[in-house]
Amino acid sequence: MLTKLKKQRVMKEVAIHPKDTGSPEVQISILTKQIDELSKHLKKHAKDNHSRRGLLSMVANRQTHLKYLKKKNPKRYMAITKKLELKQK
């Protein structure tokens, strides 16, 4: 689970303007951070199927945001995938 401070730090790194909380880049970066933290949890607790389902949901949600950004603005898509070190499709 992301704390408020961690979330603000993540938002500050990719925000387009100072009060940006909803742009695709911000949402993708927050989801990526949550996915990383949940992945670490699942390495310790392999049988936690409820959390695994949540992880799969987050990954699908991030893919949806990436697909939208790629369609609307390919330059921003390339920038965010490079910054977060995600695979490009």
N, C-alpha and C. Protein backbone atom coordinates (compact mmCIF):
# COMPACT_ATOMS: atom_id res chain seq x y z
N MET A 1 0.84 -1.18 0.00
CA MET A 1 0.00 0.00 0.00
C MET A 1 0.88 1.24 0.00
N LEU A 2 0.57 2.17 -0.88
CA LEU A 2 1.34 3.40 -0.96
C LEU A 2 0.88 4.39 0.10
N THR A 3 1.84 4.97 0.79
CA THR A 3 1.49 6.02 1.73
C THR A 3 1.28 7.32 0.96
N LYS A 4 0.69 8.28 1.61
CA LYS A 4 0.40 9.57 0.97
C LYS A 4 1.70 10.23 0.50
N LEU A 5 2.74 10.14 1.31
CA LEU A 5 4.02 10.76 0.98
C LEU A 5 4.66 10.10 -0.24
N LYS A 6 4.64 8.77 -0.29
CA LYS A 6 5.20 8.04 -1.43
C LYS A 6 4.44 8.40 -2.71
N LYS A 7 3.13 8.48 -2.59
CA LYS A 7 2.30 8.79 -3.74
C LYS A 7 2.60 10.20 -4.27
N GLN A 8 2.78 11.15 -3.36
CA GLN A 8 3.09 12.51 -3.76
C GLN A 8 4.45 12.58 -4.45
N ARG A 9 5.42 11.82 -3.95
CA ARG A 9 6.74 11.78 -4.58
C ARG A 9 6.66 11.24 -6.00
N VAL A 10 5.89 10.18 -6.17
CA VAL A 10 5.73 9.57 -7.49
C VAL A 10 5.04 10.55 -8.44
N MET A 11 4.02 11.24 -7.93
CA MET A 11 3.29 12.21 -8.76
C MET A 11 4.19 13.37 -9.18
N LYS A 12 5.02 13.82 -8.25
CA LYS A 12 5.89 14.96 -8.53
C LYS A 12 6.89 14.66 -9.64
N GLU A 13 7.32 13.41 -9.75
CA GLU A 13 8.31 13.03 -10.76
C GLU A 13 7.77 13.14 -12.18
N VAL A 14 6.50 12.81 -12.40
CA VAL A 14 5.98 12.75 -13.76
C VAL A 14 4.87 13.75 -14.04
N ALA A 15 4.52 14.59 -13.08
CA ALA A 15 3.41 15.53 -13.25
C ALA A 15 3.71 16.54 -14.36
N ILE A 16 2.68 16.87 -15.10
CA ILE A 16 2.80 17.85 -16.19
C ILE A 16 2.79 19.27 -15.63
N HIS A 17 1.96 19.52 -14.63
CA HIS A 17 1.90 20.81 -13.95
C HIS A 17 1.82 20.55 -12.45
N PRO A 18 2.01 21.55 -11.60
CA PRO A 18 2.10 21.33 -10.14
C PRO A 18 0.91 20.62 -9.49
N LYS A 19 -0.29 20.85 -9.96
CA LYS A 19 -1.46 20.23 -9.34
C LYS A 19 -1.98 19.04 -10.14
N ASP A 20 -1.14 18.44 -10.95
CA ASP A 20 -1.52 17.32 -11.79
C ASP A 20 -1.68 16.05 -10.97
N THR A 21 -2.90 15.50 -10.93
CA THR A 21 -3.14 14.25 -10.21
C THR A 21 -3.83 13.21 -11.08
N GLY A 22 -4.30 13.59 -12.25
CA GLY A 22 -5.11 12.67 -13.02
C GLY A 22 -4.63 12.39 -14.43
N SER A 23 -3.51 12.95 -14.84
CA SER A 23 -3.04 12.68 -16.19
C SER A 23 -2.66 11.21 -16.32
N PRO A 24 -2.69 10.67 -17.53
CA PRO A 24 -2.34 9.26 -17.70
C PRO A 24 -0.95 8.92 -17.16
N GLU A 25 0.00 9.82 -17.32
CA GLU A 25 1.36 9.58 -16.83
C GLU A 25 1.38 9.37 -15.32
N VAL A 26 0.65 10.21 -14.61
CA VAL A 26 0.60 10.11 -13.14
C VAL A 26 -0.08 8.81 -12.74
N GLN A 27 -1.18 8.48 -13.38
CA GLN A 27 -1.90 7.26 -13.04
C GLN A 27 -1.05 6.02 -13.33
N ILE A 28 -0.34 6.03 -14.45
CA ILE A 28 0.52 4.91 -14.81
C ILE A 28 1.65 4.76 -13.81
N SER A 29 2.25 5.88 -13.40
CA SER A 29 3.37 5.79 -12.46
C SER A 29 2.92 5.32 -11.09
N ILE A 30 1.75 5.75 -10.64
CA ILE A 30 1.21 5.29 -9.34
C ILE A 30 0.92 3.79 -9.40
N LEU A 31 0.28 3.36 -10.49
CA LEU A 31 -0.02 1.93 -10.64
C LEU A 31 1.27 1.11 -10.68
N THR A 32 2.29 1.62 -11.35
CA THR A 32 3.56 0.91 -11.43
C THR A 32 4.18 0.74 -10.06
N LYS A 33 4.15 1.79 -9.26
CA LYS A 33 4.68 1.71 -7.90
C LYS A 33 3.89 0.72 -7.05
N GLN A 34 2.57 0.74 -7.17
CA GLN A 34 1.73 -0.20 -6.43
C GLN A 34 2.00 -1.64 -6.87
N ILE A 35 2.18 -1.84 -8.16
CA ILE A 35 2.46 -3.17 -8.69
C ILE A 35 3.79 -3.68 -8.16
N ASP A 36 4.80 -2.81 -8.11
CA ASP A 36 6.11 -3.20 -7.57
C ASP A 36 6.00 -3.63 -6.11
N GLU A 37 5.28 -2.85 -5.32
CA GLU A 37 5.15 -3.17 -3.90
C GLU A 37 4.37 -4.47 -3.69
N LEU A 38 3.31 -4.67 -4.47
CA LEU A 38 2.51 -5.88 -4.33
C LEU A 38 3.28 -7.11 -4.82
N SER A 39 4.12 -6.92 -5.82
CA SER A 39 4.95 -8.03 -6.30
C SER A 39 5.92 -8.49 -5.22
N LYS A 40 6.50 -7.54 -4.50
CA LYS A 40 7.39 -7.89 -3.39
C LYS A 40 6.63 -8.67 -2.32
N HIS A 41 5.41 -8.23 -2.03
CA HIS A 41 4.58 -8.91 -1.04
C HIS A 41 4.30 -10.35 -1.48
N LEU A 42 3.98 -10.53 -2.76
CA LEU A 42 3.63 -11.86 -3.24
C LEU A 42 4.82 -12.80 -3.32
N LYS A 43 6.03 -12.27 -3.38
CA LYS A 43 7.22 -13.12 -3.34
C LYS A 43 7.37 -13.76 -1.97
N LYS A 44 6.98 -13.02 -0.93
CA LYS A 44 7.04 -13.55 0.43
C LYS A 44 5.84 -14.44 0.73
N HIS A 45 4.67 -14.05 0.23
CA HIS A 45 3.42 -14.74 0.54
C HIS A 45 2.84 -15.31 -0.75
N ALA A 46 3.39 -16.42 -1.20
CA ALA A 46 3.04 -16.99 -2.50
C ALA A 46 1.59 -17.47 -2.59
N LYS A 47 0.98 -17.82 -1.47
CA LYS A 47 -0.38 -18.37 -1.49
C LYS A 47 -1.47 -17.32 -1.29
N ASP A 48 -1.10 -16.06 -1.31
CA ASP A 48 -2.06 -14.97 -1.10
C ASP A 48 -2.79 -14.69 -2.42
N ASN A 49 -3.82 -15.48 -2.69
CA ASN A 49 -4.51 -15.38 -3.97
C ASN A 49 -5.38 -14.13 -4.09
N HIS A 50 -5.86 -13.60 -2.98
CA HIS A 50 -6.67 -12.38 -3.04
C HIS A 50 -5.82 -11.21 -3.52
N SER A 51 -4.60 -11.10 -3.01
CA SER A 51 -3.70 -10.03 -3.44
C SER A 51 -3.26 -10.24 -4.88
N ARG A 52 -3.09 -11.50 -5.28
CA ARG A 52 -2.70 -11.81 -6.65
C ARG A 52 -3.78 -11.32 -7.63
N ARG A 53 -5.04 -11.49 -7.25
CA ARG A 53 -6.14 -11.03 -8.10
C ARG A 53 -6.11 -9.50 -8.23
N GLY A 54 -5.82 -8.83 -7.12
CA GLY A 54 -5.70 -7.37 -7.16
C GLY A 54 -4.55 -6.93 -8.04
N LEU A 55 -3.44 -7.67 -7.98
CA LEU A 55 -2.27 -7.36 -8.81
C LEU A 55 -2.62 -7.47 -10.29
N LEU A 56 -3.30 -8.54 -10.65
CA LEU A 56 -3.69 -8.72 -12.05
C LEU A 56 -4.63 -7.61 -12.51
N SER A 57 -5.49 -7.16 -11.63
CA SER A 57 -6.39 -6.05 -11.95
C SER A 57 -5.62 -4.76 -12.19
N MET A 58 -4.62 -4.51 -11.34
CA MET A 58 -3.80 -3.31 -11.50
C MET A 58 -3.00 -3.34 -12.80
N VAL A 59 -2.46 -4.51 -13.13
CA VAL A 59 -1.69 -4.64 -14.37
C VAL A 59 -2.58 -4.37 -15.57
N ALA A 60 -3.80 -4.91 -15.55
CA ALA A 60 -4.73 -4.68 -16.65
C ALA A 60 -5.11 -3.20 -16.75
N ASN A 61 -5.30 -2.56 -15.60
CA ASN A 61 -5.65 -1.14 -15.57
C ASN A 61 -4.50 -0.30 -16.14
N ARG A 62 -3.27 -0.64 -15.76
CA ARG A 62 -2.11 0.09 -16.29
C ARG A 62 -2.00 -0.09 -17.79
N GLN A 63 -2.25 -1.30 -18.27
CA GLN A 63 -2.21 -1.55 -19.71
C GLN A 63 -3.24 -0.72 -20.45
N THR A 64 -4.41 -0.57 -19.85
CA THR A 64 -5.47 0.25 -20.46
C THR A 64 -5.02 1.71 -20.56
N HIS A 65 -4.42 2.21 -19.50
CA HIS A 65 -3.93 3.60 -19.52
C HIS A 65 -2.80 3.76 -20.56
N LEU A 66 -1.91 2.79 -20.63
CA LEU A 66 -0.82 2.86 -21.61
C LEU A 66 -1.36 2.83 -23.04
N LYS A 67 -2.34 1.99 -23.28
CA LYS A 67 -2.94 1.88 -24.60
C LYS A 67 -3.60 3.20 -25.01
N TYR A 68 -4.30 3.82 -24.05
CA TYR A 68 -4.95 5.11 -24.30
C TYR A 68 -3.90 6.17 -24.64
N LEU A 69 -2.83 6.22 -23.83
CA LEU A 69 -1.80 7.24 -24.05
C LEU A 69 -1.09 7.02 -25.38
N LYS A 70 -0.85 5.77 -25.74
CA LYS A 70 -0.19 5.47 -27.01
C LYS A 70 -1.04 5.94 -28.19
N LYS A 71 -2.36 5.78 -28.05
CA LYS A 71 -3.28 6.19 -29.12
C LYS A 71 -3.37 7.71 -29.22
N LYS A 72 -3.43 8.39 -28.08
CA LYS A 72 -3.64 9.84 -28.06
C LYS A 72 -2.36 10.64 -28.30
N ASN A 73 -1.25 10.19 -27.68
CA ASN A 73 -0.01 10.96 -27.78
C ASN A 73 1.20 10.02 -27.70
N PRO A 74 1.68 9.52 -28.83
CA PRO A 74 2.78 8.56 -28.84
C PRO A 74 4.08 9.08 -28.20
N LYS A 75 4.34 10.38 -28.31
CA LYS A 75 5.57 10.94 -27.71
C LYS A 75 5.53 10.81 -26.20
N ARG A 76 4.40 11.15 -25.60
CA ARG A 76 4.27 11.04 -24.14
C ARG A 76 4.32 9.57 -23.71
N TYR A 77 3.75 8.69 -24.54
CA TYR A 77 3.81 7.25 -24.26
C TYR A 77 5.26 6.77 -24.23
N MET A 78 6.03 7.15 -25.22
CA MET A 78 7.44 6.74 -25.27
C MET A 78 8.21 7.29 -24.08
N ALA A 79 7.93 8.53 -23.71
CA ALA A 79 8.63 9.15 -22.58
C ALA A 79 8.33 8.43 -21.27
N ILE A 80 7.07 8.11 -21.02
CA ILE A 80 6.71 7.48 -19.74
C ILE A 80 7.20 6.04 -19.68
N THR A 81 7.17 5.32 -20.81
CA THR A 81 7.67 3.94 -20.78
C THR A 81 9.17 3.91 -20.56
N LYS A 82 9.86 4.88 -21.13
CA LYS A 82 11.32 4.94 -20.93
C LYS A 82 11.64 5.34 -19.49
N LYS A 83 10.90 6.30 -18.95
CA LYS A 83 11.15 6.78 -17.59
C LYS A 83 10.88 5.70 -16.55
N LEU A 84 9.82 4.91 -16.75
CA LEU A 84 9.45 3.87 -15.79
C LEU A 84 10.06 2.51 -16.13
N GLU A 85 10.81 2.47 -17.22
CA GLU A 85 11.47 1.24 -17.69
C GLU A 85 10.47 0.12 -17.93
N LEU A 86 9.42 0.42 -18.67
CA LEU A 86 8.39 -0.56 -19.02
C LEU A 86 8.64 -1.04 -20.45
N LYS A 87 8.16 -2.24 -20.76
CA LYS A 87 8.26 -2.74 -22.12
C LYS A 87 7.34 -1.94 -23.01
N GLN A 88 7.80 -1.70 -24.24
CA GLN A 88 6.97 -0.98 -25.20
C GLN A 88 6.40 -1.97 -26.18
N LYS A 89 5.10 -1.84 -26.44
CA LYS A 89 4.45 -2.75 -27.39
C LYS A 89 4.08 -2.02 -28.64
